Each structure stands twice: as structure tokens, then as C-alpha cells.
Protein backbone atom coordinates (compact mmCIF):
# COMPACT_ATOMS: atom_id res chain seq x y z
CA MET A 1 18.77 -15.20 -104.72
CA MET A 2 19.30 -12.81 -101.81
CA VAL A 3 22.11 -11.09 -103.71
CA ILE A 4 19.89 -10.59 -106.77
CA ASP A 5 17.03 -9.30 -104.61
CA GLY A 6 19.43 -7.05 -102.71
CA CYS A 7 20.82 -5.54 -105.91
CA PHE A 8 17.30 -4.89 -107.20
CA ILE A 9 16.28 -3.19 -103.93
CA LEU A 10 19.37 -1.00 -103.84
CA GLU A 11 19.00 0.08 -107.46
CA TYR A 12 15.35 0.89 -106.81
CA LEU A 13 16.25 2.91 -103.69
CA TYR A 14 18.97 4.80 -105.53
CA ARG A 15 16.69 5.65 -108.44
CA VAL A 16 14.02 6.99 -106.08
CA MET A 17 16.70 8.94 -104.20
CA ASN A 18 18.00 10.47 -107.45
CA PRO A 19 15.01 10.85 -109.79
CA GLU A 20 16.74 13.53 -111.88
CA GLU A 21 19.48 11.06 -112.84
CA SER A 22 17.24 8.04 -113.31
CA ASN A 23 14.36 7.06 -115.53
CA LEU A 24 11.90 5.55 -113.08
CA GLY A 25 9.64 4.33 -115.89
CA ASN A 26 6.17 3.02 -115.06
CA MET A 27 4.95 4.88 -111.95
CA THR A 28 2.52 2.08 -111.08
CA PHE A 29 5.49 -0.27 -110.82
CA VAL A 30 7.35 2.27 -108.69
CA GLN A 31 4.46 2.73 -106.26
CA CYS A 32 3.71 -0.99 -105.95
CA THR A 33 7.36 -1.77 -105.27
CA VAL A 34 7.34 0.58 -102.28
CA TYR A 35 4.68 -1.55 -100.58
CA ASP A 36 6.36 -4.81 -101.62
CA LEU A 37 9.38 -3.78 -99.56
CA VAL A 38 7.41 -4.05 -96.30
CA LEU A 39 5.79 -7.43 -96.95
CA LEU A 40 7.00 -9.89 -94.31
CA GLU A 41 7.59 -12.63 -96.88
CA ASN A 42 9.79 -10.33 -99.00
CA GLN A 43 12.35 -9.46 -96.32
CA ILE A 44 16.03 -10.24 -96.71
CA PRO A 45 18.61 -9.73 -93.94
CA PHE A 46 19.65 -6.12 -93.51
CA LEU A 47 23.25 -7.29 -93.22
CA VAL A 48 23.09 -8.50 -96.84
CA LEU A 49 21.75 -5.13 -98.02
CA GLN A 50 24.41 -3.23 -96.10
CA HIS A 51 27.23 -5.37 -97.48
CA ILE A 52 26.05 -4.97 -101.10
CA PHE A 53 25.58 -1.22 -100.50
CA ASP A 54 29.16 -0.91 -99.23
CA CYS A 55 30.45 -2.70 -102.33
CA THR A 56 28.40 -0.72 -104.85
CA ILE A 57 26.66 2.60 -104.16
CA SER A 58 29.02 3.61 -101.38
CA GLU A 59 31.98 3.23 -103.76
CA PHE A 60 30.86 6.01 -106.12
CA ASP A 61 28.70 8.09 -103.75
CA GLN A 62 30.43 8.66 -100.44
CA THR A 63 27.60 10.83 -99.12
CA ALA A 64 24.92 8.18 -99.61
CA SER A 65 23.43 6.45 -96.59
CA LEU A 66 21.48 3.22 -96.79
CA ILE A 67 19.36 4.20 -93.76
CA ASN A 68 18.46 7.57 -95.30
CA MET A 69 17.57 5.97 -98.63
CA ILE A 70 15.26 3.50 -96.92
CA HIS A 71 13.68 6.22 -94.76
CA LEU A 72 12.88 8.25 -97.88
CA VAL A 73 11.07 5.32 -99.50
CA LEU A 74 9.31 4.21 -96.31
CA GLY A 75 7.87 7.71 -96.01
CA TYR A 76 5.46 6.73 -98.81
CA VAL A 77 4.02 3.83 -96.77
CA ASN A 78 3.93 5.61 -93.42
CA PRO A 79 0.25 5.88 -92.40
CA PHE A 80 1.11 8.59 -89.84
CA THR A 81 1.96 11.22 -92.42
CA GLU A 82 2.38 14.10 -89.94
CA HIS A 83 5.52 12.48 -88.51
CA LYS A 84 8.78 12.04 -90.35
CA LEU A 85 10.24 8.57 -89.98
CA LYS A 86 13.52 8.30 -88.12
CA SER A 87 15.39 5.55 -86.35
CA ASN A 88 18.65 4.94 -84.55
CA SER A 89 21.27 4.60 -87.28
CA ASN A 90 23.67 2.89 -84.86
CA SER A 91 21.30 0.05 -83.97
CA THR A 92 21.05 -3.21 -85.85
CA HIS A 93 17.99 -4.06 -87.92
CA ASP A 94 16.61 -7.41 -89.01
CA HIS A 95 15.43 -6.12 -92.36
CA ILE A 96 13.52 -3.22 -93.94
CA LEU A 97 10.28 -4.08 -92.13
CA GLY A 98 12.21 -4.19 -88.85
CA LEU A 99 13.63 -0.75 -89.63
CA LEU A 100 10.12 0.59 -90.25
CA HIS A 101 8.97 -0.88 -86.95
CA GLU A 102 11.84 0.77 -85.09
CA CYS A 103 10.62 4.15 -86.36
CA TYR A 104 7.55 3.66 -84.11
CA ARG A 105 9.60 2.63 -81.11
CA CYS A 106 9.77 4.65 -77.89
CA GLU A 107 12.10 3.83 -75.03
CA ASP A 108 10.10 5.93 -72.56
CA ALA A 109 6.71 4.36 -73.34
CA LYS A 110 5.53 2.14 -70.50
CA SER A 111 3.44 -0.94 -71.06
CA LEU A 112 0.84 -1.71 -68.39
CA GLU A 113 -1.84 -4.32 -67.93
CA PHE A 114 -4.67 -4.05 -70.43
CA PRO A 115 -7.66 -2.37 -68.71
CA LYS A 116 -10.56 -4.74 -68.11
CA LEU A 117 -13.17 -2.22 -69.10
CA ARG A 118 -15.04 -1.08 -72.16
CA LEU A 119 -13.89 2.22 -73.56
CA PRO A 120 -16.72 4.22 -75.11
CA SER A 121 -16.52 4.88 -78.83
CA ALA A 122 -15.52 8.21 -80.36
CA VAL A 123 -19.16 9.28 -80.75
CA GLU A 124 -19.99 8.36 -77.15
CA LEU A 125 -16.94 10.23 -75.87
CA ASP A 126 -17.89 13.24 -77.99
CA ARG A 127 -21.38 13.27 -76.45
CA ALA A 128 -19.75 13.24 -73.02
CA GLY A 129 -17.74 16.34 -73.90
CA VAL A 130 -14.44 14.80 -75.03
CA ASN A 131 -12.70 16.57 -77.91
CA PHE A 132 -10.25 15.02 -80.38
CA LYS A 133 -7.21 16.85 -81.68
CA CYS A 134 -4.13 15.87 -83.65
CA ILE A 135 -0.81 15.80 -81.86
CA GLN A 136 2.36 17.01 -83.57
CA ASP A 137 6.06 17.40 -82.91
CA THR A 138 6.37 14.44 -80.57
CA GLU A 139 9.27 12.04 -80.27
CA TRP A 140 6.92 9.07 -80.47
CA PRO A 141 4.68 8.98 -83.60
CA LEU A 142 2.08 6.86 -81.77
CA MET A 143 1.78 9.16 -78.77
CA MET A 144 -1.67 9.63 -77.24
CA LYS A 145 -2.37 11.83 -74.26
CA VAL A 146 -5.33 13.42 -72.54
CA LYS A 147 -5.37 17.13 -71.80
CA SER A 148 -8.05 18.33 -69.41
CA ARG A 149 -9.30 21.92 -69.28
CA ARG A 150 -10.93 22.35 -65.89
CA LEU A 151 -13.90 24.66 -65.78
CA PRO A 152 -13.70 27.32 -63.03
CA CYS A 153 -15.74 26.86 -59.85
CA PHE A 154 -16.55 23.25 -60.71
CA SER A 155 -15.24 19.93 -59.57
CA CYS A 156 -12.66 18.00 -61.59
CA SER A 157 -15.46 15.74 -62.86
CA CYS A 158 -16.70 18.71 -64.86
CA SER A 159 -13.43 19.15 -66.74
CA LYS A 160 -13.39 19.13 -70.52
CA PRO A 161 -10.77 16.62 -71.73
CA THR A 162 -9.17 16.47 -75.16
CA LEU A 163 -7.67 13.27 -76.55
CA MET A 164 -4.51 14.18 -78.43
CA MET A 165 -3.63 11.52 -80.99
CA PRO A 166 -1.61 11.08 -84.20
CA VAL A 167 -3.20 11.66 -87.58
CA LEU A 168 -3.91 8.30 -89.24
CA GLU A 169 -4.22 8.34 -93.02
CA ILE A 170 -6.29 5.43 -94.35
CA ASN A 171 -5.83 4.45 -97.98
CA ASP A 172 -6.01 1.24 -99.98
CA ASP A 173 -2.66 0.00 -98.62
CA THR A 174 -2.88 1.09 -94.98
CA GLU A 175 -4.29 -2.24 -93.86
CA MET A 176 -1.48 -4.13 -95.59
CA VAL A 177 1.22 -2.02 -93.91
CA LEU A 178 -0.34 -2.33 -90.45
CA ARG A 179 -0.93 -6.08 -90.81
CA ASN A 180 2.70 -6.72 -91.73
CA LEU A 181 3.87 -4.66 -88.76
CA LEU A 182 1.48 -6.62 -86.54
CA ALA A 183 2.80 -9.90 -87.93
CA TYR A 184 6.38 -8.79 -87.26
CA GLU A 185 5.49 -8.00 -83.63
CA GLN A 186 3.76 -11.35 -83.19
CA PHE A 187 6.69 -13.21 -84.74
CA LEU A 188 9.33 -12.00 -82.26
CA ASP A 189 8.98 -12.26 -78.49
CA ASP A 190 11.56 -9.57 -77.73
CA VAL A 191 9.84 -6.88 -79.83
CA SER A 192 7.49 -4.50 -78.00
CA GLN A 193 4.00 -4.45 -79.49
CA TYR A 194 3.68 -0.74 -80.23
CA ILE A 195 1.61 -1.17 -83.39
CA THR A 196 -0.59 -3.86 -81.80
CA SER A 197 -1.25 -1.57 -78.84
CA TYR A 198 -2.16 1.32 -81.14
CA ALA A 199 -4.40 -0.88 -83.30
CA ILE A 200 -6.28 -2.09 -80.21
CA ALA A 201 -6.70 1.49 -78.99
CA ILE A 202 -8.04 2.80 -82.30
CA ASP A 203 -10.29 -0.25 -82.61
CA MET A 204 -11.89 0.58 -79.25
CA LEU A 205 -12.56 4.13 -80.43
CA ILE A 206 -14.19 3.02 -83.70
CA ASP A 207 -17.33 0.87 -83.76
CA THR A 208 -19.36 2.32 -86.62
CA GLN A 209 -19.07 4.68 -89.56
CA GLU A 210 -20.31 7.49 -87.31
CA ASP A 211 -17.12 7.14 -85.26
CA ILE A 212 -15.06 7.43 -88.45
CA ALA A 213 -17.02 10.55 -89.42
CA LYS A 214 -16.38 12.12 -86.01
CA LEU A 215 -12.61 11.47 -86.17
CA VAL A 216 -12.47 12.75 -89.76
CA GLU A 217 -14.33 15.88 -88.67
CA SER A 218 -11.83 16.30 -85.83
CA LYS A 219 -8.96 15.99 -88.36
CA VAL A 220 -7.25 13.11 -86.55
CA LEU A 221 -8.16 10.68 -89.31
CA VAL A 222 -8.00 11.02 -93.10
CA ASN A 223 -10.12 8.59 -95.11
CA HIS A 224 -9.06 7.97 -98.71
CA ILE A 225 -10.75 4.61 -99.29
CA GLY A 226 -14.27 5.83 -100.02
CA SER A 227 -17.05 5.16 -97.56
CA ASN A 228 -16.69 5.52 -93.81
CA GLN A 229 -18.17 2.06 -93.40
CA GLU A 230 -15.24 0.52 -95.30
CA ALA A 231 -12.80 2.32 -93.05
CA ALA A 232 -14.67 1.18 -89.93
CA ASP A 233 -14.69 -2.44 -91.15
CA MET A 234 -10.96 -2.31 -91.81
CA ILE A 235 -10.18 -1.01 -88.31
CA ASN A 236 -12.55 -3.49 -86.63
CA ASN A 237 -11.06 -6.49 -88.45
CA ILE A 238 -7.39 -5.71 -88.18
CA CYS A 239 -6.95 -7.04 -84.63
CA LYS A 240 -9.23 -10.07 -84.83
CA GLU A 241 -7.53 -13.20 -83.48
CA VAL A 242 -4.42 -11.15 -82.64
CA PRO A 243 -3.10 -11.75 -79.09
CA TRP A 244 -1.38 -8.94 -77.24
CA ARG A 245 0.79 -8.54 -74.17
CA ASP A 246 1.53 -4.80 -74.26
CA PHE A 247 -0.76 -1.80 -73.89
CA PHE A 248 0.80 1.66 -73.78
CA TYR A 249 -2.32 3.77 -73.25
CA TYR A 250 -3.54 2.49 -69.88
CA ASP A 251 -3.50 5.85 -68.05
CA GLN A 252 -5.18 7.67 -70.93
CA TRP A 253 -7.93 5.08 -71.24
CA MET A 254 -8.60 5.05 -67.49
CA GLU A 255 -8.89 8.85 -67.46
CA LEU A 256 -11.31 8.87 -70.42
CA ASN A 257 -13.41 6.12 -68.89
CA ARG A 258 -13.49 7.96 -65.55
CA HIS A 259 -14.71 11.11 -67.27
CA TYR A 260 -17.32 9.28 -69.32
CA ASN A 261 -18.79 7.60 -66.24
CA GLY A 262 -18.74 10.80 -64.18
CA TYR A 263 -21.96 12.42 -62.94
CA TRP A 264 -21.61 15.74 -64.78
CA SER A 265 -20.50 14.31 -68.10
CA LYS A 266 -23.39 11.83 -68.22
CA ASN A 267 -26.02 14.47 -67.40
CA ILE A 268 -24.58 17.06 -69.76
CA ALA A 269 -24.48 14.44 -72.50
CA TRP A 270 -28.15 13.63 -71.83
CA LEU A 271 -29.08 17.34 -72.03
CA ARG A 272 -27.20 17.72 -75.32
CA ARG A 273 -28.90 14.69 -76.88
CA THR A 274 -32.36 15.66 -75.59
CA TYR A 275 -32.53 19.44 -75.94
CA PHE A 276 -29.62 20.56 -78.08
CA ASN A 277 -29.50 18.01 -80.90
CA ASN A 278 -31.22 20.35 -83.41
CA PRO A 279 -32.20 24.05 -83.62
CA TRP A 280 -35.93 23.43 -83.16
CA ASN A 281 -35.39 21.66 -79.85
CA ILE A 282 -33.24 24.57 -78.67
CA ILE A 283 -35.90 27.10 -79.69
CA ALA A 284 -38.60 25.04 -77.97
CA LEU A 285 -36.48 24.78 -74.80
CA PHE A 286 -35.90 28.53 -74.54
CA ALA A 287 -39.54 29.25 -75.42
CA GLY A 288 -40.62 26.93 -72.61
CA ILE A 289 -38.22 28.61 -70.16
CA PHE A 290 -39.49 32.04 -71.23
CA LEU A 291 -43.16 31.05 -70.80
CA PHE A 292 -42.37 29.47 -67.43
CA ALA A 293 -40.68 32.71 -66.29
CA LEU A 294 -43.71 34.76 -67.45
CA THR A 295 -46.02 32.42 -65.55
CA ILE A 296 -44.01 32.88 -62.36
CA VAL A 297 -44.03 36.68 -62.78
CA GLN A 298 -47.82 36.66 -63.42
CA THR A 299 -48.38 34.51 -60.35
CA ILE A 300 -46.32 36.85 -58.15
CA PHE A 301 -48.27 39.93 -59.30
CA THR A 302 -51.57 38.07 -58.82
CA VAL A 303 -50.74 37.10 -55.24
CA ASN A 304 -49.17 40.44 -54.37
CA PRO A 305 -50.81 43.13 -56.55
CA ALA A 306 -49.11 46.51 -56.52
């Protein structure tokens, strides 16, 4: 059975790799098969695939590489579309899902204790002056970092941070891909929980559809599944009942939480919500300031006439 499945997978990979030589047929079948390859229950040992590849495709195409063929196909299921998938070709892989997981691996990423604090949502952080921006050209596709632009002549608490994060593309199959990667991490004790850590982080940022709208507006999230509420529900449900032992964004989350709870950020956020949430409030504020200034000038001239 594994040999039959392996031959089917290799023929499918080769046809996708060489579309000009192959008749791919029904495109719905082609697209569905891509996602079937990453289902945990459909995995066969990578060693079997490699052995069949060496006995078949490698015999008539010396330039073909099984890793490259798989990377090409997995690019269609990669939810982080701004980053090209790559892995260590010299390492061993359990199966295709394991190879996909290795593409999100980072040797330099450090896992720390999960912070026992509540991180504000994307909308709350935005009100406190935090910006969101996509991060590109990084070795780790799941990289998140905080860049702070300190305002001159003010304390560090008045800095304006920006959360740099990967672009997540949400479509009808994103949940399936992430859930299978989560299941793979939960299944093996010696596998670092990169995807679980990312899913927890994005879940803390997203509480409601307004958070989805803010991240879409900031171009760090692309929503292809319709309503923002559906996307929010998907993110909020993906980590339910999922235990974790790794968290790779401890420093970033502590810095964002420190900024959100700072004196200046809280007061500036209150001013924005109260006086700058619509044009009429802004006009009324400046009109009030102008009338107050005229009153002071009139009082001065009344007390000290020229």
C-alpha cells in the first residue's frame, strides 16, 4: 500500500513540476491533492518516497530533486506566502508534513516561559500607538520583532513601537494546514512547537472582527474566507485544548505589554478615543481651545487696559 501511495505521490509531484509535458486534467483534483499531502493521516515514511524516487524519476531525470519537487508543491499550501519555503536538504525527514514543518524551523529562536499576562488585542495596541507592519527577507518565516521609534526629548515610555510580523494569508484551507502542523508538534516530544507558539501569539492579538480588520488594513493579514468574523472565529478556535511548552515571542510580548501599560501611551490613547475619533470632535476641540484663548486675551486687556 505504501508503494502504491508513494508512486502516486511521485507521479503527481512530477506532473506538477513539468506541466508542459503532462496533462494535469481536472484542476479541482490537482488542488485538492496538494492539501491531502499534508494531512497527518496520509503520511508515509519519507524513506519510502526517496527510495522509489531513486528507482524511478532519478533514473531518467538526473537533475530532479525530490526535496525541490516537494517544496514546489508545498508552496501552494504555505499560509505565509511572502516567504519561500526552504529546508535543510541534508537532514532527515519523517514525511512530507515533517518536511513542511522543518521549513518553519529556526535554530536561533529561543523558547522562554510563557508570560503570565494578558496581551492587549490588535485594536487595543493600535489605540496605544502601536503600528503593525509586515516583515520580509528573514531567515525565519515566523519571525516577530518590535521596533521602537523614540520621540525626541521624551522618555522611552513615549516611544512609538511597530510590531513586525509575517503576512498570514487566510483561505478556506489555512485552518486545515495549521491544525495538521499543530497535531504533528503535539505528537512528537522532540519537535519544537514553532507553529503552536505562533498560533498562540496570533490568537492573543485577535479577539474580534475589529482586530482582523485592523491587521488587514495594516497588510499583515490577508482574508480570503469572506467575513472578518469567520476569520476571527477560526483563529480563536485553533488553539483550544492545545497544550504548549514553547513560546518564542516572550521578549516581544513583554515589550508590547510594557508600552501598553505605560503612562504616556494610556493617556494618549484616551485623548485619541475622546477627542480625535471623528472630525467633528476635532473641530469642537480646536474651537474650544480658540475660544478659551480669546477669553484669556480679553481678560488680560480688561484687567490691564492699554
